[in-house]
C-alpha atoms as a PDB file:
ATOM      1  CA  MET A   1      42.786  58.462   8.941  1.00  0.00           C
ATOM      2  CA  LEU A   2      42.076  56.366  12.005  1.00  0.00           C
ATOM      3  CA  LEU A   3      44.637  55.593  14.664  1.00  0.00           C
ATOM      4  CA  GLY A   4      44.498  53.107  17.463  1.00  0.00           C
ATOM      5  CA  ALA A   5      44.953  54.432  20.980  1.00  0.00           C
ATOM      6  CA  ASP A   6      48.502  53.054  21.253  1.00  0.00           C
ATOM      7  CA  ASP A   7      49.531  54.607  17.934  1.00  0.00           C
ATOM      8  CA  TYR A   8      48.015  57.941  18.937  1.00  0.00           C
ATOM      9  CA  ASP A   9      49.835  57.892  22.290  1.00  0.00           C
ATOM     10  CA  ALA A  10      53.131  57.057  20.571  1.00  0.00           C
ATOM     11  CA  MET A  11      52.641  59.881  18.072  1.00  0.00           C
ATOM     12  CA  MET A  12      51.879  62.384  20.827  1.00  0.00           C
ATOM     13  CA  GLU A  13      54.950  61.302  22.785  1.00  0.00           C
ATOM     14  CA  THR A  14      57.078  61.762  19.653  1.00  0.00           C
ATOM     15  CA  VAL A  15      55.652  65.262  19.170  1.00  0.00           C
ATOM     16  CA  ALA A  16      56.392  66.085  22.812  1.00  0.00           C
ATOM     17  CA  VAL A  17      60.006  64.894  22.520  1.00  0.00           C
ATOM     18  CA  LEU A  18      60.640  66.691  19.230  1.00  0.00           C
ATOM     19  CA  SER A  19      59.156  69.885  20.683  1.00  0.00           C
ATOM     20  CA  ASP A  20      61.773  69.941  23.448  1.00  0.00           C
ATOM     21  CA  ALA A  21      64.992  71.325  21.918  1.00  0.00           C
ATOM     22  CA  LYS A  22      67.140  70.465  24.967  1.00  0.00           C
ATOM     23  CA  LEU A  23      65.883  66.894  25.029  1.00  0.00           C
ATOM     24  CA  VAL A  24      66.566  66.472  21.301  1.00  0.00           C
ATOM     25  CA  LYS A  25      70.090  67.863  21.826  1.00  0.00           C
ATOM     26  CA  ASP A  26      70.685  65.511  24.775  1.00  0.00           C
ATOM     27  CA  ILE A  27      69.478  62.500  22.777  1.00  0.00           C
ATOM     28  CA  GLY A  28      71.831  63.457  19.941  1.00  0.00           C
ATOM     29  CA  LYS A  29      74.750  63.734  22.380  1.00  0.00           C
ATOM     30  CA  GLY A  30      73.889  60.353  23.828  1.00  0.00           C
ATOM     31  CA  LEU A  31      73.801  58.757  20.390  1.00  0.00           C
ATOM     32  CA  ARG A  32      77.188  60.321  19.520  1.00  0.00           C
ATOM     33  CA  ASP A  33      78.652  59.075  22.818  1.00  0.00           C
ATOM     34  CA  LEU A  34      77.335  55.593  22.076  1.00  0.00           C
ATOM     35  CA  ALA A  35      78.824  55.624  18.562  1.00  0.00           C
ATOM     36  CA  LEU A  36      82.205  56.661  20.021  1.00  0.00           C
ATOM     37  CA  GLY A  37      82.044  53.941  22.669  1.00  0.00           C
ATOM     38  CA  ASP A  38      81.824  56.509  25.465  1.00  0.00           C
ATOM     39  CA  THR A  39      79.627  54.329  27.652  1.00  0.00           C
ATOM     40  CA  PHE A  40      79.431  52.853  31.143  1.00  0.00           C
ATOM     41  CA  THR A  41      79.389  49.198  32.096  1.00  0.00           C
ATOM     42  CA  VAL A  42      76.611  47.794  34.243  1.00  0.00           C
ATOM     43  CA  GLU A  43      79.113  47.475  37.070  1.00  0.00           C
ATOM     44  CA  GLN A  44      80.065  51.179  36.799  1.00  0.00           C
ATOM     45  CA  VAL A  45      76.417  52.223  36.901  1.00  0.00           C
ATOM     46  CA  ARG A  46      75.702  50.004  39.900  1.00  0.00           C
ATOM     47  CA  ALA A  47      78.762  51.348  41.738  1.00  0.00           C
ATOM     48  CA  GLY A  48      77.674  54.915  41.000  1.00  0.00           C
ATOM     49  CA  MET A  49      74.223  54.226  42.351  1.00  0.00           C
ATOM     50  CA  ARG A  50      75.700  52.953  45.640  1.00  0.00           C
ATOM     51  CA  THR A  51      77.925  55.991  46.099  1.00  0.00           C
ATOM     52  CA  PRO A  52      76.246  58.591  48.277  1.00  0.00           C
ATOM     53  CA  SER A  53      75.991  61.996  46.643  1.00  0.00           C
ATOM     54  CA  PRO A  54      77.891  64.836  48.331  1.00  0.00           C
ATOM     55  CA  LYS A  55      75.883  67.066  50.630  1.00  0.00           C
ATOM     56  CA  GLU A  56      75.360  70.621  49.443  1.00  0.00           C
END
């Protein structure tokens, strides 16, 4: 089987993602949140980006 460079890169990225159990779990949580409507608006994200993080 022959693969183009883009297809090969996409396949390798998929393998890398699926090999990372925490990342797969986080993606699943994100998809569940999305299905439940537990999301942020663009305005909420922008406001959060402007808020300085607390100093440790």
